[in-house]
Structures are given as structure tokens and as C-alpha cells.
Protein backbone atom coordinates (compact mmCIF):
# COMPACT_ATOMS: atom_id res chain seq x y z
CA UNK A 1 149.64 -163.62 -30.71
CA UNK A 2 151.08 -167.13 -31.06
CA UNK A 3 147.86 -168.56 -29.65
CA UNK A 4 145.86 -166.40 -32.06
CA UNK A 5 147.83 -167.73 -35.05
CA UNK A 6 147.26 -171.31 -33.90
CA UNK A 7 143.51 -170.66 -33.51
CA UNK A 8 143.42 -169.03 -36.94
CA UNK A 9 144.78 -172.23 -38.49
CA UNK A 10 142.35 -174.28 -36.41
CA UNK A 11 139.51 -172.04 -37.56
CA UNK A 12 140.25 -172.94 -41.16
CA UNK A 13 139.74 -176.62 -40.31
CA UNK A 14 136.53 -176.34 -38.25
CA UNK A 15 133.44 -176.66 -40.41
CA UNK A 16 130.03 -178.31 -40.46
CA UNK A 17 131.70 -181.71 -40.18
CA UNK A 18 133.74 -180.51 -37.19
CA UNK A 19 137.28 -180.95 -38.60
CA UNK A 20 138.59 -181.14 -42.14
CA UNK A 21 141.97 -182.21 -43.43
CA UNK A 22 143.59 -178.99 -44.65
CA UNK A 23 146.23 -180.89 -46.63
CA UNK A 24 143.51 -182.48 -48.76
CA UNK A 25 142.01 -179.13 -49.79
CA UNK A 26 144.38 -178.68 -52.75
CA UNK A 27 142.61 -181.59 -54.43
CA UNK A 28 139.11 -180.19 -53.80
CA UNK A 29 138.48 -176.74 -55.34
CA UNK A 30 135.09 -176.35 -53.66
CA UNK A 31 136.45 -177.10 -50.19
CA UNK A 32 139.37 -174.75 -50.83
CA UNK A 33 136.95 -171.96 -51.79
CA UNK A 34 134.96 -172.56 -48.60
CA UNK A 35 138.08 -172.23 -46.51
CA UNK A 36 139.41 -169.18 -48.37
CA UNK A 37 136.16 -167.24 -48.71
CA UNK A 38 134.18 -168.26 -45.60
CA UNK A 39 136.20 -169.81 -42.78
CA UNK A 40 139.36 -167.71 -42.94
CA UNK A 41 137.64 -164.28 -43.13
CA UNK A 42 135.19 -165.37 -40.44
CA UNK A 43 137.97 -166.47 -38.08
CA UNK A 44 140.11 -163.43 -38.80
CA UNK A 45 137.03 -161.21 -38.47
CA UNK A 46 136.30 -162.70 -35.05
CA UNK A 47 139.83 -161.76 -33.94
CA UNK A 48 139.54 -158.22 -35.31
CA UNK A 49 136.12 -157.63 -33.72
CA UNK A 50 137.35 -158.99 -30.40
CA UNK A 51 140.46 -156.83 -30.63
CA UNK A 52 138.30 -153.71 -31.16
CA UNK A 53 136.09 -154.60 -28.19
CA UNK A 54 139.11 -155.35 -26.00
CA UNK A 55 140.63 -151.97 -26.92
CA UNK A 56 137.31 -150.18 -26.26
CA UNK A 57 137.01 -151.87 -22.86
CA UNK A 58 140.53 -150.84 -21.83
CA UNK A 59 139.92 -147.25 -22.96
CA UNK A 60 136.59 -147.08 -21.13
CA UNK A 61 138.00 -148.47 -17.88
CA UNK A 62 140.93 -146.09 -17.96
CA UNK A 63 138.91 -143.05 -19.04
CA UNK A 64 136.20 -143.49 -16.43
CA UNK A 65 138.52 -144.94 -13.78
CA UNK A 66 136.19 -147.87 -13.19
CA UNK A 67 137.03 -151.54 -13.76
CA UNK A 68 133.37 -152.27 -14.55
CA UNK A 69 133.17 -149.81 -17.42
CA UNK A 70 132.77 -151.27 -20.89
CA UNK A 71 131.03 -150.27 -24.15
CA UNK A 72 127.76 -151.83 -23.06
CA UNK A 73 127.49 -150.11 -19.69
CA UNK A 74 128.11 -146.70 -21.25
CA UNK A 75 125.42 -147.10 -23.88
CA UNK A 76 127.66 -146.99 -26.93
CA UNK A 77 126.74 -150.50 -28.09
CA UNK A 78 123.03 -149.72 -27.83
CA UNK A 79 123.57 -146.51 -29.76
CA UNK A 80 125.52 -148.36 -32.43
CA UNK A 81 122.78 -150.96 -32.78
CA UNK A 82 120.15 -148.22 -33.09
CA UNK A 83 122.22 -146.54 -35.82
CA UNK A 84 122.47 -149.82 -37.73
CA UNK A 85 118.70 -150.40 -37.40
CA UNK A 86 118.01 -146.90 -38.74
CA UNK A 87 120.21 -147.47 -41.78
CA UNK A 88 118.64 -150.84 -42.48
CA UNK A 89 115.15 -149.35 -42.24
CA UNK A 90 115.62 -146.06 -44.07
CA UNK A 91 117.85 -147.23 -46.92
CA UNK A 92 116.68 -150.82 -47.13
CA UNK A 93 120.22 -152.18 -46.82
CA UNK A 94 121.09 -155.74 -45.90
CA UNK A 95 123.53 -156.58 -43.08
CA UNK A 96 124.71 -159.57 -45.15
CA UNK A 97 125.92 -157.40 -48.02
CA UNK A 98 129.62 -157.64 -48.88
CA UNK A 99 129.78 -154.41 -50.90
CA UNK A 100 132.32 -151.89 -49.62
CA UNK A 101 129.91 -148.96 -49.68
CA UNK A 102 127.29 -150.85 -47.70
CA UNK A 103 129.79 -152.06 -45.09
CA UNK A 104 131.23 -148.56 -44.68
CA UNK A 105 127.72 -147.08 -44.45
CA UNK A 106 126.67 -149.51 -41.74
CA UNK A 107 129.94 -148.89 -39.87
CA UNK A 108 129.47 -145.12 -40.13
CA UNK A 109 125.92 -145.36 -38.79
CA UNK A 110 127.11 -147.53 -35.89
CA UNK A 111 129.89 -145.03 -35.14
CA UNK A 112 127.55 -142.05 -35.11
CA UNK A 113 125.08 -143.89 -32.90
CA UNK A 114 127.86 -144.91 -30.50
CA UNK A 115 129.25 -141.35 -30.24
CA UNK A 116 125.82 -139.84 -29.59
CA UNK A 117 125.06 -142.49 -26.95
CA UNK A 118 128.30 -141.84 -25.06
CA UNK A 119 127.79 -138.07 -25.25
CA UNK A 120 124.24 -138.48 -23.94
CA UNK A 121 125.58 -140.59 -21.07
CA UNK A 122 128.13 -137.91 -20.21
CA UNK A 123 125.50 -135.17 -20.30
CA UNK A 124 123.17 -137.09 -18.02
CA UNK A 125 126.02 -137.96 -15.64
CA UNK A 126 127.33 -134.35 -15.70
CA UNK A 127 130.83 -135.52 -16.58
CA UNK A 128 132.91 -138.40 -15.26
CA UNK A 129 133.53 -137.18 -11.73
CA UNK A 130 130.95 -139.44 -10.06
CA UNK A 131 131.33 -143.06 -11.06
CA UNK A 132 127.97 -144.27 -9.74
CA UNK A 133 126.05 -141.56 -11.59
CA UNK A 134 128.02 -142.32 -14.75
CA UNK A 135 127.19 -146.03 -14.65
CA UNK A 136 123.52 -145.35 -13.88
CA UNK A 137 123.34 -142.89 -16.77
CA UNK A 138 124.93 -145.45 -19.07
CA UNK A 139 122.43 -148.11 -18.06
CA UNK A 140 119.52 -145.69 -18.62
CA UNK A 141 120.79 -144.61 -22.04
CA UNK A 142 121.35 -148.24 -23.04
CA UNK A 143 117.82 -149.25 -22.05
CA UNK A 144 116.18 -146.27 -23.75
CA UNK A 145 118.11 -146.65 -26.99
CA UNK A 146 117.51 -150.39 -26.95
CA UNK A 147 113.77 -149.73 -26.62
CA UNK A 148 113.93 -147.27 -29.50
CA UNK A 149 115.61 -149.92 -31.61
CA UNK A 150 112.91 -152.43 -30.66
CA UNK A 151 110.15 -150.01 -31.66
CA UNK A 152 111.88 -149.38 -34.98
CA UNK A 153 112.14 -153.12 -35.55
CA UNK A 154 108.45 -153.64 -34.82
CA UNK A 155 107.52 -150.84 -37.19
CA UNK A 156 109.63 -152.42 -39.96
CA UNK A 157 108.88 -156.11 -39.73
CA UNK A 158 110.96 -156.91 -42.83
CA UNK A 159 114.18 -156.23 -40.93
CA UNK A 160 113.14 -158.16 -37.82
CA UNK A 161 115.06 -161.34 -38.71
CA UNK A 162 118.20 -159.39 -39.57
CA UNK A 163 118.01 -157.42 -36.32
CA UNK A 164 117.39 -160.57 -34.30
CA UNK A 165 120.56 -162.15 -35.66
CA UNK A 166 122.35 -158.86 -35.09
CA UNK A 167 121.29 -158.79 -31.41
CA UNK A 168 122.48 -162.35 -30.77
CA UNK A 169 125.91 -161.58 -32.22
CA UNK A 170 127.48 -163.59 -35.00
CA UNK A 171 130.69 -163.68 -36.99
CA UNK A 172 129.23 -165.92 -39.67
CA UNK A 173 128.59 -163.10 -42.14
CA UNK A 174 132.01 -161.42 -41.90
CA UNK A 175 133.81 -161.46 -45.24
CA UNK A 176 137.09 -160.06 -46.47
CA UNK A 177 135.47 -156.64 -46.95
CA UNK A 178 134.39 -156.54 -43.31
CA UNK A 179 137.86 -157.66 -42.26
CA UNK A 180 139.43 -154.83 -44.27
CA UNK A 181 137.12 -152.26 -42.67
CA UNK A 182 137.87 -153.53 -39.15
CA UNK A 183 141.60 -153.79 -39.81
CA UNK A 184 141.87 -150.24 -41.17
CA UNK A 185 139.76 -148.54 -38.52
CA UNK A 186 141.19 -150.79 -35.82
CA UNK A 187 144.74 -149.74 -36.66
CA UNK A 188 143.66 -146.09 -36.48
CA UNK A 189 142.01 -146.66 -33.07
CA UNK A 190 145.08 -148.44 -31.70
CA UNK A 191 147.41 -145.64 -32.81
CA UNK A 192 145.19 -142.94 -31.33
CA UNK A 193 144.70 -144.82 -28.08
CA UNK A 194 148.42 -145.53 -27.75
CA UNK A 195 149.22 -141.85 -28.33
CA UNK A 196 146.70 -140.88 -25.62
CA UNK A 197 147.92 -143.51 -23.11
CA UNK A 198 149.73 -140.88 -20.94
CA UNK A 199 146.34 -139.22 -20.33
CA UNK A 200 144.96 -142.50 -18.96
CA UNK A 201 148.03 -142.88 -16.75
CA UNK A 202 147.48 -139.38 -15.41
CA UNK A 203 143.80 -139.97 -14.80
CA UNK A 204 144.62 -143.15 -12.88
CA UNK A 205 146.42 -140.93 -10.35
CA UNK A 206 143.44 -138.59 -9.98
CA UNK A 207 141.99 -135.51 -11.61
CA UNK A 208 144.23 -133.10 -9.73
CA UNK A 209 147.40 -135.01 -10.61
CA UNK A 210 146.43 -135.24 -14.28
CA UNK A 211 145.72 -131.50 -14.38
CA UNK A 212 149.05 -130.73 -12.69
CA UNK A 213 150.88 -132.55 -15.48
CA UNK A 214 149.68 -129.85 -17.88
CA UNK A 215 147.57 -132.23 -19.96
CA UNK A 216 144.69 -130.71 -21.97
CA UNK A 217 142.19 -133.06 -20.33
CA UNK A 218 139.11 -131.74 -22.13
CA UNK A 219 140.42 -132.26 -25.66
CA UNK A 220 142.13 -135.54 -24.85
CA UNK A 221 139.02 -136.94 -23.15
CA UNK A 222 137.03 -136.05 -26.25
CA UNK A 223 139.59 -137.88 -28.37
CA UNK A 224 139.37 -140.95 -26.13
CA UNK A 225 135.56 -140.92 -26.40
CA UNK A 226 135.96 -140.88 -30.20
CA UNK A 227 138.32 -143.87 -30.02
CA UNK A 228 135.90 -145.71 -27.74
CA UNK A 229 132.94 -145.01 -30.00
CA UNK A 230 134.76 -145.79 -33.25
CA UNK A 231 136.12 -149.10 -31.96
CA UNK A 232 132.76 -150.14 -30.56
CA UNK A 233 130.80 -149.00 -33.59
CA UNK A 234 133.10 -150.77 -36.03
CA UNK A 235 132.90 -154.09 -34.16
CA UNK A 236 129.14 -153.88 -33.60
CA UNK A 237 128.49 -153.03 -37.26
CA UNK A 238 130.24 -156.19 -38.42
CA UNK A 239 129.33 -158.77 -35.79
CA UNK A 240 126.36 -157.41 -33.84
CA UNK A 241 126.20 -157.23 -30.05
CA UNK A 242 128.79 -159.48 -28.36
CA UNK A 243 128.93 -159.18 -24.59
CA UNK A 244 131.71 -159.32 -21.99
CA UNK A 245 134.73 -159.38 -24.33
CA UNK A 246 135.46 -155.68 -23.74
CA UNK A 247 135.00 -156.12 -20.00
CA UNK A 248 136.95 -159.36 -19.52
CA UNK A 249 139.97 -158.72 -21.76
CA UNK A 250 141.54 -155.89 -19.66
CA UNK A 251 140.85 -157.83 -16.47
CA UNK A 252 142.65 -160.89 -17.79
CA UNK A 253 145.62 -158.76 -18.84
CA UNK A 254 145.83 -157.09 -15.42
CA UNK A 255 145.70 -160.49 -13.72
CA UNK A 256 148.85 -161.50 -15.59
CA UNK A 257 150.94 -158.33 -15.72
CA UNK A 258 150.95 -154.89 -14.09
CA UNK A 259 151.85 -152.21 -16.59
CA UNK A 260 151.10 -148.72 -17.81
CA UNK A 261 148.24 -147.99 -20.18
CA UNK A 262 150.47 -147.90 -23.26
CA UNK A 263 151.11 -151.63 -23.00
CA UNK A 264 147.77 -152.41 -21.39
CA UNK A 265 145.89 -151.09 -24.42
CA UNK A 266 147.93 -153.23 -26.83
CA UNK A 267 147.70 -156.35 -24.65
CA UNK A 268 143.95 -155.89 -24.14
CA UNK A 269 143.54 -155.59 -27.90
CA UNK A 270 145.35 -158.87 -28.47
CA UNK A 271 143.54 -160.56 -25.56
CA UNK A 272 140.13 -159.47 -26.85
CA UNK A 273 140.92 -160.88 -30.27
CA UNK A 274 142.03 -164.18 -28.75
CA UNK A 275 138.90 -164.43 -26.58
CA UNK A 276 136.41 -163.86 -29.37
CA UNK A 277 138.26 -166.09 -31.81
CA UNK A 278 138.26 -168.90 -29.24
CA UNK A 279 134.56 -168.33 -28.52
CA UNK A 280 133.74 -168.39 -32.25
CA UNK A 281 135.54 -171.72 -32.73
CA UNK A 282 133.76 -173.14 -29.69
CA UNK A 283 130.40 -171.93 -31.01
CA UNK A 284 131.04 -173.70 -34.31
CA UNK A 285 132.32 -176.93 -32.77
CA UNK A 286 130.02 -177.65 -29.82
CA UNK A 287 126.86 -178.69 -31.69
CA UNK A 288 128.20 -179.13 -35.23
CA UNK A 289 126.82 -179.13 -37.93
CA UNK A 290 124.70 -176.43 -36.23
CA UNK A 291 126.27 -173.58 -34.35
CA UNK A 292 125.58 -171.39 -31.33
CA UNK A 293 125.32 -167.59 -31.57
CA UNK A 294 128.72 -166.45 -30.42
CA UNK A 295 127.22 -163.51 -28.51
CA UNK A 296 125.21 -165.92 -26.35
CA UNK A 297 128.29 -168.04 -25.67
CA UNK A 298 130.44 -165.05 -24.66
CA UNK A 299 127.66 -163.85 -22.35
CA UNK A 300 127.51 -167.23 -20.58
CA UNK A 301 131.28 -167.63 -20.32
CA UNK A 302 131.92 -163.98 -19.46
CA UNK A 303 129.21 -163.89 -16.83
CA UNK A 304 130.61 -167.05 -15.24
CA UNK A 305 134.10 -165.55 -15.19
CA UNK A 306 132.90 -162.36 -13.52
CA UNK A 307 130.94 -164.32 -10.92
CA UNK A 308 134.07 -166.36 -10.15
CA UNK A 309 136.12 -163.15 -9.97
CA UNK A 310 133.65 -161.57 -7.52
CA UNK A 311 133.64 -164.73 -5.39
CA UNK A 312 137.43 -164.76 -5.26
CA UNK A 313 137.60 -161.10 -4.27
CA UNK A 314 134.95 -161.65 -1.58
CA UNK A 315 136.90 -164.64 -0.22
CA UNK A 316 139.97 -162.39 0.08
CA UNK A 317 137.98 -159.72 1.84
CA UNK A 318 138.43 -157.21 -1.00
CA UNK A 319 135.80 -154.60 -1.88
């Protein structure tokens, strides 16, 4: 959290000219407005979106008892993007709008799409008992829903540019309204996930052990799926598709500390926010005054991290 606060202050200083003197802003009303209305909500929005993805990744990995599970592998991100594309096409909305009703509508469409995608994955996989079948079902659902989104985009050429930016992932259009939506729904997701943490602890010991604890697994699993879908849908609706944050954040936390899911969920939330905020600052700074799509940068960095992690495990003889 201390690192996040430092990066938040740094984010207010990073602009098209790389770094600005924050102490001189009080003498320049235009520069002050740029910082207050563009840079700060963007930087804070990057942290909130990363926190939601980190929470979703920790929930997915605990729920499906697989360290490779994340919102993308289970199809929820593809479902959320399809829901957003449908709303943009049918109602003619703009993803750049800052109106509360529009932001909530896009978030609601992403949530519904994410829930339906996860449920479809579970139906195809016949539950969560077989990990390999679950992951294969998630990949299939993600590909099919992604293809449906592409067909919809081709049929409605006027939204093609908006969808293209959405697919690359960007925090540049996040305003204070988007931050408020992510903060409110994110707080709800964190509270629900924290309350359901004992279920994840029980599942980590096996199905039989969790059932012997007297936990209503069916209802609690459904609640965890809702948390996963709501967190993913909210983040995707505001920033588009950003890869590897939900997968890497829980891994980084586990590499530092071994703990139960109650603390793991909170730490993964904070770690996800820190990762995406750092990636957003790097995307703005590397080729300033232009900037890289943050989703592309996280994919490159996250993929490199996972390759290094696999190499290290192979060197140790781990499976």
C-alpha cells in the first residue's frame, strides 16, 4: 500500500512531457486541471482495476484449486467483452462516456456476460471436479465468445475502433465516475470474498474435507462465481482486456508469504492494484509523448514472468 501511494503521486507527475513539477501546478490552472481530472483518476483507476483483477484471480485459483486459473482461462473476460460489445451496438453507447448511467450500464452488461460465460464453462466441464476438463472448457468458451464478439464488431463497423481500443486494454479513459463504480463494487467484492474465505480454505484440503466441515458448498460456490464474475466484469468494463494481472498477483503474494485465503485475497487485491498501476506508469513513460497500450505491456511482462517461473520450477525438478 505504501508503494501504491508513492506510485499514485508519481502518476500525477507523469505526462506527455514525461515528468512535471507538481509544486508549480498551483500557478498553472490548466496544468492543475489536467492532473486533477485526467492523471489522478487514471492512475487511481489503474489501481482499482488491477485490484479487481487480482481479487478475481485469487478467487478463481482457490475455487478451482488450480494455480493457472484466472478470469481469462475461464472465459469470464471474453463474456464480459461480448456483453460490452452488445451494449455498444444495440444502444449506440460510447465507451468514452463519463455519465454515471452509461458507466453502470456498461458495467452491468460486462457482469452479465462474465456470469454467463463462467456458467457455460461449468456446464461444459460438468462441474469443477476435473481440472483439465475445466480449463479446456474455459479455453473453448473464451474462443467462441471472442469469435462472437468479432462477428458483432464486423457487422457494426462504427464501433470497430472503440472495440479495438477495448481489446488492447487502456486506462486512459477512466474518469472519476469509473473510479467510483470500481471502488463501490470492488469493496462489495472484497467483503463477499473475505466472508467466503473459509470455503476456499476447505476446498484447498479437498472436496471430502470441505464437505465434512458442514459447509454448504453449492451455495457458497455460486456466491464465489458471482464475486469472480462481478470483479472481472467491473474491471473489464472500465479498462478493457488486460492480461496476466489476475494470474500473476496471487503467485507473487504466495512467493512472499504463506497464509490462509482470508489474507491471501486481501494481499492479492493490493498486489494486483500495484502491478497494474506500475504497468500504466511504464506504458506512459517509455515512449512519451506517445504511450503503449497497457494491456499489451502487461501481456509481455506477465508472459515473461510466467516463463521464468516455469523455468525455475523445472530447474528444481518440480512438476
